[in-house]
Amino acid sequence: MIVSIEPIVDVLETLDSDIDRYNYIIEIGDDLAVIGDKQMLNDENYVPGCQSDVWLTHIKEADNTLQFYAHSDSKIVRGLLYILTEAFSGYTPNEMLNFNLSAIQKLPLGAQLSMQRQIGMMSVFKKMQYLAKQYTASA
């Protein structure tokens, strides 16, 4: 499990119903960090394959780690983006590339999410890895 999202996973695992899990995901979406919506909403940052419109960008910090920022108008998607940006921000590009899709599949969300939303989460993760790859020697 990715340490940065263990508290989120712990809460999700204690909730009894799908409705409670959805409400929690919507609630944490209010904390999604964004970089000026206007500059973020462009074709370069758009993530295809998501049920809702999603944009993803990043900053490479001085310590060589990546900080991801995302945006969506959908409340549930903002919550899912919050989980993903919390999970994968703070890693170097090479560390980011060491993750695989199973890192997302371990999140206790699958039963509550439609197949299209699961595909969307995978699309966001793949875009994060694409951005990380731009900073590696093999790019």
C-alpha atoms as a PDB file:
ATOM      1  CA  MET A   1       0.000   0.000   0.000  1.00  0.00           C
ATOM      2  CA  ILE A   2       1.196   3.500  -0.797  1.00  0.00           C
ATOM      3  CA  VAL A   3       1.845   5.124   2.572  1.00  0.00           C
ATOM      4  CA  SER A   4       0.468   8.562   1.667  1.00  0.00           C
ATOM      5  CA  ILE A   5      -3.043   7.210   1.121  1.00  0.00           C
ATOM      6  CA  GLU A   6      -3.216   4.678   3.953  1.00  0.00           C
ATOM      7  CA  PRO A   7      -5.449   7.033   6.023  1.00  0.00           C
ATOM      8  CA  ILE A   8      -7.880   7.321   3.092  1.00  0.00           C
ATOM      9  CA  VAL A   9      -7.938   3.562   2.589  1.00  0.00           C
ATOM     10  CA  ASP A  10      -8.446   3.024   6.325  1.00  0.00           C
ATOM     11  CA  VAL A  11     -11.517   5.266   6.267  1.00  0.00           C
ATOM     12  CA  LEU A  12     -12.910   3.624   3.126  1.00  0.00           C
ATOM     13  CA  GLU A  13     -12.529   0.185   4.710  1.00  0.00           C
ATOM     14  CA  THR A  14     -14.454   1.234   7.830  1.00  0.00           C
ATOM     15  CA  LEU A  15     -17.439   2.633   5.959  1.00  0.00           C
ATOM     16  CA  ASP A  16     -20.385   0.251   5.833  1.00  0.00           C
ATOM     17  CA  SER A  17     -22.188   1.212   2.656  1.00  0.00           C
ATOM     18  CA  ASP A  18     -21.413   2.221  -0.903  1.00  0.00           C
ATOM     19  CA  ILE A  19     -23.298   5.480  -0.301  1.00  0.00           C
ATOM     20  CA  ASP A  20     -21.009   6.289   2.639  1.00  0.00           C
ATOM     21  CA  ARG A  21     -17.942   5.526   0.504  1.00  0.00           C
ATOM     22  CA  TYR A  22     -19.244   7.735  -2.338  1.00  0.00           C
ATOM     23  CA  ASN A  23     -19.952  10.572   0.092  1.00  0.00           C
ATOM     24  CA  TYR A  24     -16.453  10.288   1.560  1.00  0.00           C
ATOM     25  CA  ILE A  25     -14.849  10.317  -1.896  1.00  0.00           C
ATOM     26  CA  ILE A  26     -16.890  13.406  -2.812  1.00  0.00           C
ATOM     27  CA  GLU A  27     -15.887  15.068   0.475  1.00  0.00           C
ATOM     28  CA  ILE A  28     -12.139  14.553  -0.010  1.00  0.00           C
ATOM     29  CA  GLY A  29     -12.455  15.849  -3.572  1.00  0.00           C
ATOM     30  CA  ASP A  30     -12.968  19.310  -2.082  1.00  0.00           C
ATOM     31  CA  ASP A  31      -9.298  19.192  -1.047  1.00  0.00           C
ATOM     32  CA  LEU A  32      -7.998  18.502  -4.573  1.00  0.00           C
ATOM     33  CA  ALA A  33      -5.065  20.807  -5.285  1.00  0.00           C
ATOM     34  CA  VAL A  34      -5.165  22.568  -8.627  1.00  0.00           C
ATOM     35  CA  ILE A  35      -3.002  25.028 -10.476  1.00  0.00           C
ATOM     36  CA  GLY A  36      -5.049  27.924 -11.885  1.00  0.00           C
ATOM     37  CA  ASP A  37      -7.921  26.237 -13.679  1.00  0.00           C
ATOM     38  CA  LYS A  38      -7.602  28.453 -16.743  1.00  0.00           C
ATOM     39  CA  GLN A  39      -3.980  27.513 -17.455  1.00  0.00           C
ATOM     40  CA  MET A  40      -4.619  23.847 -16.719  1.00  0.00           C
ATOM     41  CA  LEU A  41      -7.605  23.301 -19.004  1.00  0.00           C
ATOM     42  CA  ASN A  42      -5.919  22.697 -22.342  1.00  0.00           C
ATOM     43  CA  ASP A  43      -5.487  19.854 -24.806  1.00  0.00           C
ATOM     44  CA  GLU A  44      -2.006  18.986 -23.545  1.00  0.00           C
ATOM     45  CA  ASN A  45      -3.303  18.301 -20.012  1.00  0.00           C
ATOM     46  CA  TYR A  46      -6.528  16.565 -21.056  1.00  0.00           C
ATOM     47  CA  VAL A  47      -6.743  12.882 -20.091  1.00  0.00           C
ATOM     48  CA  PRO A  48      -8.631  10.805 -22.675  1.00  0.00           C
ATOM     49  CA  GLY A  49     -10.425   7.652 -21.579  1.00  0.00           C
ATOM     50  CA  CYS A  50     -12.240   9.124 -18.596  1.00  0.00           C
ATOM     51  CA  GLN A  51     -16.012   9.165 -18.244  1.00  0.00           C
ATOM     52  CA  SER A  52     -15.869  12.831 -17.164  1.00  0.00           C
ATOM     53  CA  ASP A  53     -13.547  15.529 -18.454  1.00  0.00           C
ATOM     54  CA  VAL A  54     -10.223  15.336 -16.600  1.00  0.00           C
ATOM     55  CA  TRP A  55      -7.077  17.423 -16.858  1.00  0.00           C
ATOM     56  CA  LEU A  56      -3.752  16.531 -15.248  1.00  0.00           C
ATOM     57  CA  THR A  57      -0.547  18.498 -14.963  1.00  0.00           C
ATOM     58  CA  HIS A  58       2.521  18.483 -12.744  1.00  0.00           C
ATOM     59  CA  ILE A  59       5.467  20.422 -11.375  1.00  0.00           C
ATOM     60  CA  LYS A  60       8.935  18.985 -11.005  1.00  0.00           C
ATOM     61  CA  GLU A  61      10.182  20.177  -7.617  1.00  0.00           C
ATOM     62  CA  ALA A  62      13.776  21.184  -6.791  1.00  0.00           C
ATOM     63  CA  ASP A  63      14.288  17.809  -5.049  1.00  0.00           C
ATOM     64  CA  ASN A  64      13.471  16.025  -8.366  1.00  0.00           C
ATOM     65  CA  THR A  65      10.056  14.845  -7.170  1.00  0.00           C
ATOM     66  CA  LEU A  66       6.848  15.310  -9.117  1.00  0.00           C
ATOM     67  CA  GLN A  67       3.772  17.049  -7.738  1.00  0.00           C
ATOM     68  CA  PHE A  68       0.586  16.244  -9.658  1.00  0.00           C
ATOM     69  CA  TYR A  69      -2.430  18.523 -10.008  1.00  0.00           C
ATOM     70  CA  ALA A  70      -5.763  17.604 -11.535  1.00  0.00           C
ATOM     71  CA  HIS A  71      -9.164  19.048 -12.344  1.00  0.00           C
ATOM     72  CA  SER A  72     -12.634  17.760 -13.146  1.00  0.00           C
ATOM     73  CA  ASP A  73     -16.102  19.262 -12.856  1.00  0.00           C
ATOM     74  CA  SER A  74     -17.456  15.951 -11.514  1.00  0.00           C
ATOM     75  CA  LYS A  75     -17.536  15.747  -7.712  1.00  0.00           C
ATOM     76  CA  ILE A  76     -16.891  12.005  -7.515  1.00  0.00           C
ATOM     77  CA  VAL A  77     -14.062  12.259 -10.051  1.00  0.00           C
ATOM     78  CA  ARG A  78     -12.445  15.075  -8.045  1.00  0.00           C
ATOM     79  CA  GLY A  79     -12.366  12.700  -5.079  1.00  0.00           C
ATOM     80  CA  LEU A  80     -10.773   9.954  -7.151  1.00  0.00           C
ATOM     81  CA  LEU A  81      -8.258  12.459  -8.535  1.00  0.00           C
ATOM     82  CA  TYR A  82      -7.459  13.547  -4.991  1.00  0.00           C
ATOM     83  CA  ILE A  83      -6.630   9.945  -4.100  1.00  0.00           C
ATOM     84  CA  LEU A  84      -4.427   9.531  -7.183  1.00  0.00           C
ATOM     85  CA  THR A  85      -2.571  12.831  -6.791  1.00  0.00           C
ATOM     86  CA  GLU A  86      -1.995  12.142  -3.086  1.00  0.00           C
ATOM     87  CA  ALA A  87      -0.790   8.632  -3.853  1.00  0.00           C
ATOM     88  CA  PHE A  88       1.690   9.482  -6.584  1.00  0.00           C
ATOM     89  CA  SER A  89       2.952  12.996  -5.819  1.00  0.00           C
ATOM     90  CA  GLY A  90       6.289  13.234  -4.057  1.00  0.00           C
ATOM     91  CA  TYR A  91       8.077  10.525  -6.007  1.00  0.00           C
ATOM     92  CA  THR A  92      10.974  10.986  -8.411  1.00  0.00           C
ATOM     93  CA  PRO A  93      10.292  10.175 -12.067  1.00  0.00           C
ATOM     94  CA  ASN A  94      12.152   6.856 -11.780  1.00  0.00           C
ATOM     95  CA  GLU A  95      10.222   5.904  -8.638  1.00  0.00           C
ATOM     96  CA  MET A  96       6.965   6.790 -10.393  1.00  0.00           C
ATOM     97  CA  LEU A  97       7.856   4.493 -13.273  1.00  0.00           C
ATOM     98  CA  ASN A  98       8.416   1.608 -10.839  1.00  0.00           C
ATOM     99  CA  PHE A  99       4.713   1.580  -9.965  1.00  0.00           C
ATOM    100  CA  ASN A 100       2.369  -0.559 -12.010  1.00  0.00           C
ATOM    101  CA  LEU A 101      -1.384  -0.716 -12.419  1.00  0.00           C
ATOM    102  CA  SER A 102      -1.689  -3.067  -9.447  1.00  0.00           C
ATOM    103  CA  ALA A 103      -0.939  -0.046  -7.213  1.00  0.00           C
ATOM    104  CA  ILE A 104      -4.335   1.332  -8.253  1.00  0.00           C
ATOM    105  CA  GLN A 105      -6.112  -1.990  -8.215  1.00  0.00           C
ATOM    106  CA  LYS A 106      -5.247  -2.397  -4.511  1.00  0.00           C
ATOM    107  CA  LEU A 107      -7.408   0.591  -3.594  1.00  0.00           C
ATOM    108  CA  PRO A 108     -10.713  -0.583  -2.083  1.00  0.00           C
ATOM    109  CA  LEU A 109     -12.795   1.180  -4.719  1.00  0.00           C
ATOM    110  CA  GLY A 110     -13.382  -1.345  -7.462  1.00  0.00           C
ATOM    111  CA  ALA A 111     -16.729  -2.661  -6.277  1.00  0.00           C
ATOM    112  CA  GLN A 112     -18.112   0.860  -5.988  1.00  0.00           C
ATOM    113  CA  LEU A 113     -16.827   2.183  -9.302  1.00  0.00           C
ATOM    114  CA  SER A 114     -18.263   1.611 -12.727  1.00  0.00           C
ATOM    115  CA  MET A 115     -15.970  -0.044 -15.249  1.00  0.00           C
ATOM    116  CA  GLN A 116     -15.659   3.305 -17.074  1.00  0.00           C
ATOM    117  CA  ARG A 117     -14.492   5.066 -13.878  1.00  0.00           C
ATOM    118  CA  GLN A 118     -11.952   2.281 -13.261  1.00  0.00           C
ATOM    119  CA  ILE A 119     -10.683   2.742 -16.820  1.00  0.00           C
ATOM    120  CA  GLY A 120     -10.524   6.483 -16.174  1.00  0.00           C
ATOM    121  CA  MET A 121      -8.378   5.969 -13.077  1.00  0.00           C
ATOM    122  CA  MET A 122      -6.026   3.788 -15.117  1.00  0.00           C
ATOM    123  CA  SER A 123      -5.885   6.501 -17.800  1.00  0.00           C
ATOM    124  CA  VAL A 124      -4.903   9.129 -15.209  1.00  0.00           C
ATOM    125  CA  PHE A 125      -2.234   6.805 -13.782  1.00  0.00           C
ATOM    126  CA  LYS A 126      -0.829   6.136 -17.271  1.00  0.00           C
ATOM    127  CA  LYS A 127      -0.694   9.894 -17.945  1.00  0.00           C
ATOM    128  CA  MET A 128       1.223  10.343 -14.659  1.00  0.00           C
ATOM    129  CA  GLN A 129       3.733   7.758 -15.809  1.00  0.00           C
ATOM    130  CA  TYR A 130       3.949   9.381 -19.247  1.00  0.00           C
ATOM    131  CA  LEU A 131       4.792  12.702 -17.585  1.00  0.00           C
ATOM    132  CA  ALA A 132       7.392  11.014 -15.347  1.00  0.00           C
ATOM    133  CA  LYS A 133       9.012   9.296 -18.312  1.00  0.00           C
ATOM    134  CA  GLN A 134       9.810  12.678 -19.858  1.00  0.00           C
ATOM    135  CA  TYR A 135      12.455  13.162 -17.144  1.00  0.00           C
ATOM    136  CA  THR A 136      14.221   9.812 -17.446  1.00  0.00           C
ATOM    137  CA  ALA A 137      17.260   8.912 -19.515  1.00  0.00           C
ATOM    138  CA  SER A 138      15.231   6.392 -21.502  1.00  0.00           C
ATOM    139  CA  ALA A 139      12.707   9.032 -22.624  1.00  0.00           C
END
